[in-house]
Amino acid sequence: MSNENKRVKPDCPLIGTDGNIFHLVGIAAKTLRRNGLSEEASEMSEKVFGSGSYDEALGIIGEYVNITSVDEPGEDRDMRMG
């Protein structure tokens, strides 16, 4: 088992926010960039916008970040957003 296959997934507070897929991708991409994963942010965005459904898009986002609730304490909470 190599470390390359284990992707670091930062926590991302998406549950309880506007469910618009563009909004969700923006939050997830910002979270990835803040955690030094800019390449993954671009890759995730491309995959999401190429997906065929909302559910598929959410699944892709979940492959890159740990989807959490905005009510859960976490390092990525940005008080200016709420």
Foldseek 3Di string as FASTA:
>chain_A
DDPVVVADAAEFADAPDPLDLVVVLVRLCVVCVVVVNNVVSVVLVVVLVPDDDSVVNVVSSVVRHPYDHLPDDDPSNDVVVD
